[in-house]
Amino acid sequence: MEQQYEKAIFAGGCFWCMVKPFDSQPGIISVISGYTGGHVENPTYEEVTTGTTGHTEAVEITYDPSIISYETLVETYWQQTDPTDALGQFADRGDSYRPVIFYANEKQKEIAEQSKAALQNSGRFDRPIVTKIEPAQPFYPAEEYHQDYYKKHSVHYNLYREGSGRAGFIRKNWQKKA
């Protein structure tokens, strides 16, 4: 029997910080850093950072749904982001860092919308949950030096994750009040 893998695409600010939380989970086949949501084919990092391509830094996750559910992936996603900040994430500002769940089909859309509503109703945050839920668009892998950045450059990755404010936000807002 052929294995049926599925894909999930999430944008949550700097893609370096979005790989590790998914990469280590059972059922994850791959996590690729890249760009999506824009109007330029095969954009480069330099082009995306100008803010003129319409692209957002994102990760494309290939997973085995018989081992890990899309619901679990969405829950993991929320816990890496500030879902109340539509203008970027942490130190990274602008459209190329906006938080978005890109759905591949109606089932993913429904799961994402239900999860967003549950988070809004949970009272965890005092401000509205503004993360967008949009249809998936072509995904373009980023340059090789961006792939598995947390493994290749662990010291810089950890300094960046702390210095950007992401790690502190996660500790304050997600690692308590479970």
C-alpha atoms as a PDB file:
ATOM      1  CA  MET A   1       0.000   0.000   0.000  1.00  0.00           C
ATOM      2  CA  GLU A   2       1.353   3.389  -1.008  1.00  0.00           C
ATOM      3  CA  GLN A   3       1.881   5.939   1.759  1.00  0.00           C
ATOM      4  CA  GLN A   4      -0.401   8.971   1.479  1.00  0.00           C
ATOM      5  CA  TYR A   5       1.362  12.070   2.756  1.00  0.00           C
ATOM      6  CA  GLU A   6      -0.268  15.478   3.065  1.00  0.00           C
ATOM      7  CA  LYS A   7       1.076  19.017   3.173  1.00  0.00           C
ATOM      8  CA  ALA A   8       0.468  21.941   5.502  1.00  0.00           C
ATOM      9  CA  ILE A   9       1.736  25.502   4.981  1.00  0.00           C
ATOM     10  CA  PHE A  10       2.129  27.947   7.847  1.00  0.00           C
ATOM     11  CA  ALA A  11       3.548  31.471   7.988  1.00  0.00           C
ATOM     12  CA  GLY A  12       4.556  32.703  11.422  1.00  0.00           C
ATOM     13  CA  GLY A  13       7.282  35.267  10.983  1.00  0.00           C
ATOM     14  CA  CYS A  14      10.872  34.237  10.342  1.00  0.00           C
ATOM     15  CA  PHE A  15      10.809  30.788   8.795  1.00  0.00           C
ATOM     16  CA  TRP A  16      13.984  29.765  10.649  1.00  0.00           C
ATOM     17  CA  CYS A  17      11.983  29.728  13.875  1.00  0.00           C
ATOM     18  CA  MET A  18       9.080  27.781  12.394  1.00  0.00           C
ATOM     19  CA  VAL A  19      11.018  24.649  11.401  1.00  0.00           C
ATOM     20  CA  LYS A  20      12.279  23.147  14.658  1.00  0.00           C
ATOM     21  CA  PRO A  21       8.915  22.893  16.493  1.00  0.00           C
ATOM     22  CA  PHE A  22       7.514  20.716  13.696  1.00  0.00           C
ATOM     23  CA  ASP A  23      10.689  18.924  12.600  1.00  0.00           C
ATOM     24  CA  SER A  24      11.022  16.767  15.694  1.00  0.00           C
ATOM     25  CA  GLN A  25       7.439  15.487  15.854  1.00  0.00           C
ATOM     26  CA  PRO A  26       6.539  11.905  14.907  1.00  0.00           C
ATOM     27  CA  GLY A  27       4.910  11.694  11.493  1.00  0.00           C
ATOM     28  CA  ILE A  28       6.723  14.704  10.028  1.00  0.00           C
ATOM     29  CA  ILE A  29       8.403  13.766   6.768  1.00  0.00           C
ATOM     30  CA  SER A  30       9.940  17.153   5.955  1.00  0.00           C
ATOM     31  CA  VAL A  31       9.771  20.849   6.838  1.00  0.00           C
ATOM     32  CA  ILE A  32      10.906  23.233   4.107  1.00  0.00           C
ATOM     33  CA  SER A  33      11.460  26.959   4.524  1.00  0.00           C
ATOM     34  CA  GLY A  34      10.165  29.035   1.635  1.00  0.00           C
ATOM     35  CA  TYR A  35       7.918  31.718   0.247  1.00  0.00           C
ATOM     36  CA  THR A  36       4.235  31.750  -0.672  1.00  0.00           C
ATOM     37  CA  GLY A  37       1.281  34.036  -1.243  1.00  0.00           C
ATOM     38  CA  GLY A  38       2.881  36.407  -3.718  1.00  0.00           C
ATOM     39  CA  HIS A  39       2.832  37.212  -7.417  1.00  0.00           C
ATOM     40  CA  VAL A  40       6.481  36.556  -8.382  1.00  0.00           C
ATOM     41  CA  GLU A  41       7.563  33.085  -9.512  1.00  0.00           C
ATOM     42  CA  ASN A  42      10.605  31.591  -7.792  1.00  0.00           C
ATOM     43  CA  PRO A  43      11.403  34.656  -5.683  1.00  0.00           C
ATOM     44  CA  THR A  44      14.741  35.055  -3.941  1.00  0.00           C
ATOM     45  CA  TYR A  45      15.195  35.982  -0.301  1.00  0.00           C
ATOM     46  CA  GLU A  46      16.495  39.388  -1.400  1.00  0.00           C
ATOM     47  CA  GLU A  47      13.369  39.987  -3.514  1.00  0.00           C
ATOM     48  CA  VAL A  48      10.983  38.885  -0.752  1.00  0.00           C
ATOM     49  CA  THR A  49      12.625  41.151   1.834  1.00  0.00           C
ATOM     50  CA  THR A  50      11.951  44.197  -0.356  1.00  0.00           C
ATOM     51  CA  GLY A  51       8.241  43.670   0.323  1.00  0.00           C
ATOM     52  CA  THR A  52       7.379  44.012  -3.368  1.00  0.00           C
ATOM     53  CA  THR A  53       6.713  40.338  -4.260  1.00  0.00           C
ATOM     54  CA  GLY A  54       3.665  39.829  -2.032  1.00  0.00           C
ATOM     55  CA  HIS A  55       5.272  36.690  -0.598  1.00  0.00           C
ATOM     56  CA  THR A  56       5.327  35.645   3.030  1.00  0.00           C
ATOM     57  CA  GLU A  57       8.060  33.571   4.665  1.00  0.00           C
ATOM     58  CA  ALA A  58       6.483  30.200   5.435  1.00  0.00           C
ATOM     59  CA  VAL A  59       7.153  26.530   6.045  1.00  0.00           C
ATOM     60  CA  GLU A  60       5.760  23.656   4.001  1.00  0.00           C
ATOM     61  CA  ILE A  61       5.313  20.566   6.118  1.00  0.00           C
ATOM     62  CA  THR A  62       4.934  17.127   4.569  1.00  0.00           C
ATOM     63  CA  TYR A  63       3.378  14.776   7.091  1.00  0.00           C
ATOM     64  CA  ASP A  64       1.833  11.359   7.488  1.00  0.00           C
ATOM     65  CA  PRO A  65      -1.782  11.903   8.618  1.00  0.00           C
ATOM     66  CA  SER A  66      -1.927   8.349   9.975  1.00  0.00           C
ATOM     67  CA  ILE A  67       0.665   9.413  12.589  1.00  0.00           C
ATOM     68  CA  ILE A  68       0.054  13.139  13.161  1.00  0.00           C
ATOM     69  CA  SER A  69      -3.166  15.026  12.517  1.00  0.00           C
ATOM     70  CA  TYR A  70      -3.635  18.396  10.857  1.00  0.00           C
ATOM     71  CA  GLU A  71      -5.314  19.494  14.111  1.00  0.00           C
ATOM     72  CA  THR A  72      -2.077  18.771  15.989  1.00  0.00           C
ATOM     73  CA  LEU A  73      -0.088  20.736  13.417  1.00  0.00           C
ATOM     74  CA  VAL A  74      -2.416  23.740  13.794  1.00  0.00           C
ATOM     75  CA  GLU A  75      -2.104  23.592  17.599  1.00  0.00           C
ATOM     76  CA  THR A  76       1.691  23.482  17.267  1.00  0.00           C
ATOM     77  CA  TYR A  77       1.524  26.433  14.864  1.00  0.00           C
ATOM     78  CA  TRP A  78      -0.429  28.637  17.270  1.00  0.00           C
ATOM     79  CA  GLN A  79       2.115  28.003  19.998  1.00  0.00           C
ATOM     80  CA  GLN A  80       4.966  29.408  17.860  1.00  0.00           C
ATOM     81  CA  THR A  81       3.280  32.722  17.097  1.00  0.00           C
ATOM     82  CA  ASP A  82       1.667  35.863  18.445  1.00  0.00           C
ATOM     83  CA  PRO A  83      -1.770  35.416  16.867  1.00  0.00           C
ATOM     84  CA  THR A  84      -2.768  38.961  17.885  1.00  0.00           C
ATOM     85  CA  ASP A  85      -0.154  40.668  15.667  1.00  0.00           C
ATOM     86  CA  ALA A  86      -1.135  40.976  11.996  1.00  0.00           C
ATOM     87  CA  LEU A  87       1.782  43.257  11.037  1.00  0.00           C
ATOM     88  CA  GLY A  88       4.586  40.734  11.450  1.00  0.00           C
ATOM     89  CA  GLN A  89       5.940  38.549  14.209  1.00  0.00           C
ATOM     90  CA  PHE A  90       8.154  39.739  17.024  1.00  0.00           C
ATOM     91  CA  ALA A  91      11.179  41.699  15.705  1.00  0.00           C
ATOM     92  CA  ASP A  92      10.259  40.904  12.095  1.00  0.00           C
ATOM     93  CA  ARG A  93       7.808  43.431  10.698  1.00  0.00           C
ATOM     94  CA  GLY A  94       5.940  43.710   7.412  1.00  0.00           C
ATOM     95  CA  ASP A  95       3.842  41.603   5.074  1.00  0.00           C
ATOM     96  CA  SER A  96       6.587  39.061   4.440  1.00  0.00           C
ATOM     97  CA  TYR A  97       6.368  38.096   8.129  1.00  0.00           C
ATOM     98  CA  ARG A  98       2.587  38.134   8.597  1.00  0.00           C
ATOM     99  CA  PRO A  99       0.955  35.148  10.314  1.00  0.00           C
ATOM    100  CA  VAL A 100      -1.132  32.978   7.974  1.00  0.00           C
ATOM    101  CA  ILE A 101      -2.476  29.448   7.905  1.00  0.00           C
ATOM    102  CA  PHE A 102      -2.613  28.454   4.232  1.00  0.00           C
ATOM    103  CA  TYR A 103      -5.137  25.664   3.715  1.00  0.00           C
ATOM    104  CA  ALA A 104      -4.880  23.052   0.952  1.00  0.00           C
ATOM    105  CA  ASN A 105      -8.511  21.921   1.036  1.00  0.00           C
ATOM    106  CA  GLU A 106     -11.866  22.548   2.711  1.00  0.00           C
ATOM    107  CA  LYS A 107     -11.116  20.140   5.543  1.00  0.00           C
ATOM    108  CA  GLN A 108      -7.937  22.049   6.460  1.00  0.00           C
ATOM    109  CA  LYS A 109      -9.837  25.345   6.186  1.00  0.00           C
ATOM    110  CA  GLU A 110     -12.569  24.099   8.523  1.00  0.00           C
ATOM    111  CA  ILE A 111     -10.050  22.785  11.078  1.00  0.00           C
ATOM    112  CA  ALA A 112      -8.082  26.052  10.994  1.00  0.00           C
ATOM    113  CA  GLU A 113     -11.206  28.202  11.369  1.00  0.00           C
ATOM    114  CA  GLN A 114     -12.538  26.098  14.255  1.00  0.00           C
ATOM    115  CA  SER A 115      -9.165  26.219  15.981  1.00  0.00           C
ATOM    116  CA  LYS A 116      -8.928  30.000  15.532  1.00  0.00           C
ATOM    117  CA  ALA A 117     -12.430  30.455  16.976  1.00  0.00           C
ATOM    118  CA  ALA A 118     -11.583  28.212  19.934  1.00  0.00           C
ATOM    119  CA  LEU A 119      -8.418  30.222  20.602  1.00  0.00           C
ATOM    120  CA  GLN A 120     -10.367  33.486  20.407  1.00  0.00           C
ATOM    121  CA  ASN A 121     -12.984  32.147  22.817  1.00  0.00           C
ATOM    122  CA  SER A 122     -10.408  30.711  25.221  1.00  0.00           C
ATOM    123  CA  GLY A 123      -9.604  34.068  26.805  1.00  0.00           C
ATOM    124  CA  ARG A 124      -5.873  33.336  26.532  1.00  0.00           C
ATOM    125  CA  PHE A 125      -5.323  36.706  24.823  1.00  0.00           C
ATOM    126  CA  ASP A 126      -6.914  40.078  25.582  1.00  0.00           C
ATOM    127  CA  ARG A 127      -6.736  41.142  21.927  1.00  0.00           C
ATOM    128  CA  PRO A 128      -8.436  39.637  18.864  1.00  0.00           C
ATOM    129  CA  ILE A 129      -6.872  36.682  17.053  1.00  0.00           C
ATOM    130  CA  VAL A 130      -5.881  38.224  13.702  1.00  0.00           C
ATOM    131  CA  THR A 131      -3.972  35.392  12.010  1.00  0.00           C
ATOM    132  CA  LYS A 132      -5.323  35.010   8.471  1.00  0.00           C
ATOM    133  CA  ILE A 133      -6.614  31.754   7.016  1.00  0.00           C
ATOM    134  CA  GLU A 134      -6.095  31.774   3.249  1.00  0.00           C
ATOM    135  CA  PRO A 135      -6.072  29.274   0.375  1.00  0.00           C
ATOM    136  CA  ALA A 136      -2.672  27.764  -0.364  1.00  0.00           C
ATOM    137  CA  GLN A 137      -0.784  29.239  -3.279  1.00  0.00           C
ATOM    138  CA  PRO A 138       2.373  28.024  -5.008  1.00  0.00           C
ATOM    139  CA  PHE A 139       5.157  27.426  -2.495  1.00  0.00           C
ATOM    140  CA  TYR A 140       8.738  28.182  -3.471  1.00  0.00           C
ATOM    141  CA  PRO A 141      11.527  26.646  -1.384  1.00  0.00           C
ATOM    142  CA  ALA A 142      13.987  29.175  -0.002  1.00  0.00           C
ATOM    143  CA  GLU A 143      17.682  29.060  -0.762  1.00  0.00           C
ATOM    144  CA  GLU A 144      19.611  26.112   0.670  1.00  0.00           C
ATOM    145  CA  TYR A 145      21.332  28.194   3.359  1.00  0.00           C
ATOM    146  CA  HIS A 146      17.903  28.846   4.937  1.00  0.00           C
ATOM    147  CA  GLN A 147      16.997  25.148   5.170  1.00  0.00           C
ATOM    148  CA  ASP A 148      17.396  23.510   8.609  1.00  0.00           C
ATOM    149  CA  TYR A 149      18.942  26.742   9.866  1.00  0.00           C
ATOM    150  CA  TYR A 150      18.469  25.714  13.505  1.00  0.00           C
ATOM    151  CA  LYS A 151      20.692  22.669  12.872  1.00  0.00           C
ATOM    152  CA  LYS A 152      23.347  24.346  10.731  1.00  0.00           C
ATOM    153  CA  HIS A 153      23.712  27.520  12.812  1.00  0.00           C
ATOM    154  CA  SER A 154      22.380  26.576  16.241  1.00  0.00           C
ATOM    155  CA  VAL A 155      24.153  29.325  18.193  1.00  0.00           C
ATOM    156  CA  HIS A 156      22.933  32.098  15.882  1.00  0.00           C
ATOM    157  CA  TYR A 157      19.464  30.516  15.714  1.00  0.00           C
ATOM    158  CA  ASN A 158      19.136  30.431  19.505  1.00  0.00           C
ATOM    159  CA  LEU A 159      20.401  34.010  19.875  1.00  0.00           C
ATOM    160  CA  TYR A 160      17.968  35.179  17.196  1.00  0.00           C
ATOM    161  CA  ARG A 161      15.028  33.284  18.720  1.00  0.00           C
ATOM    162  CA  GLU A 162      15.691  34.917  22.102  1.00  0.00           C
ATOM    163  CA  GLY A 163      16.681  38.347  20.761  1.00  0.00           C
ATOM    164  CA  SER A 164      13.656  38.666  18.479  1.00  0.00           C
ATOM    165  CA  GLY A 165      11.307  38.275  21.448  1.00  0.00           C
ATOM    166  CA  ARG A 166       9.789  35.036  20.150  1.00  0.00           C
ATOM    167  CA  ALA A 167      11.169  32.731  22.857  1.00  0.00           C
ATOM    168  CA  GLY A 168      10.084  35.028  25.693  1.00  0.00           C
ATOM    169  CA  PHE A 169       6.605  35.452  24.213  1.00  0.00           C
ATOM    170  CA  ILE A 170       6.197  31.684  23.907  1.00  0.00           C
ATOM    171  CA  ARG A 171       7.340  31.128  27.485  1.00  0.00           C
ATOM    172  CA  LYS A 172       4.994  33.828  28.792  1.00  0.00           C
ATOM    173  CA  ASN A 173       1.896  33.039  26.704  1.00  0.00           C
ATOM    174  CA  TRP A 174       2.061  29.393  25.691  1.00  0.00           C
ATOM    175  CA  GLN A 175       4.126  27.475  28.232  1.00  0.00           C
ATOM    176  CA  LYS A 176       1.822  28.459  31.060  1.00  0.00           C
ATOM    177  CA  LYS A 177      -1.976  28.239  31.164  1.00  0.00           C
ATOM    178  CA  ALA A 178      -2.077  25.039  29.158  1.00  0.00           C
END
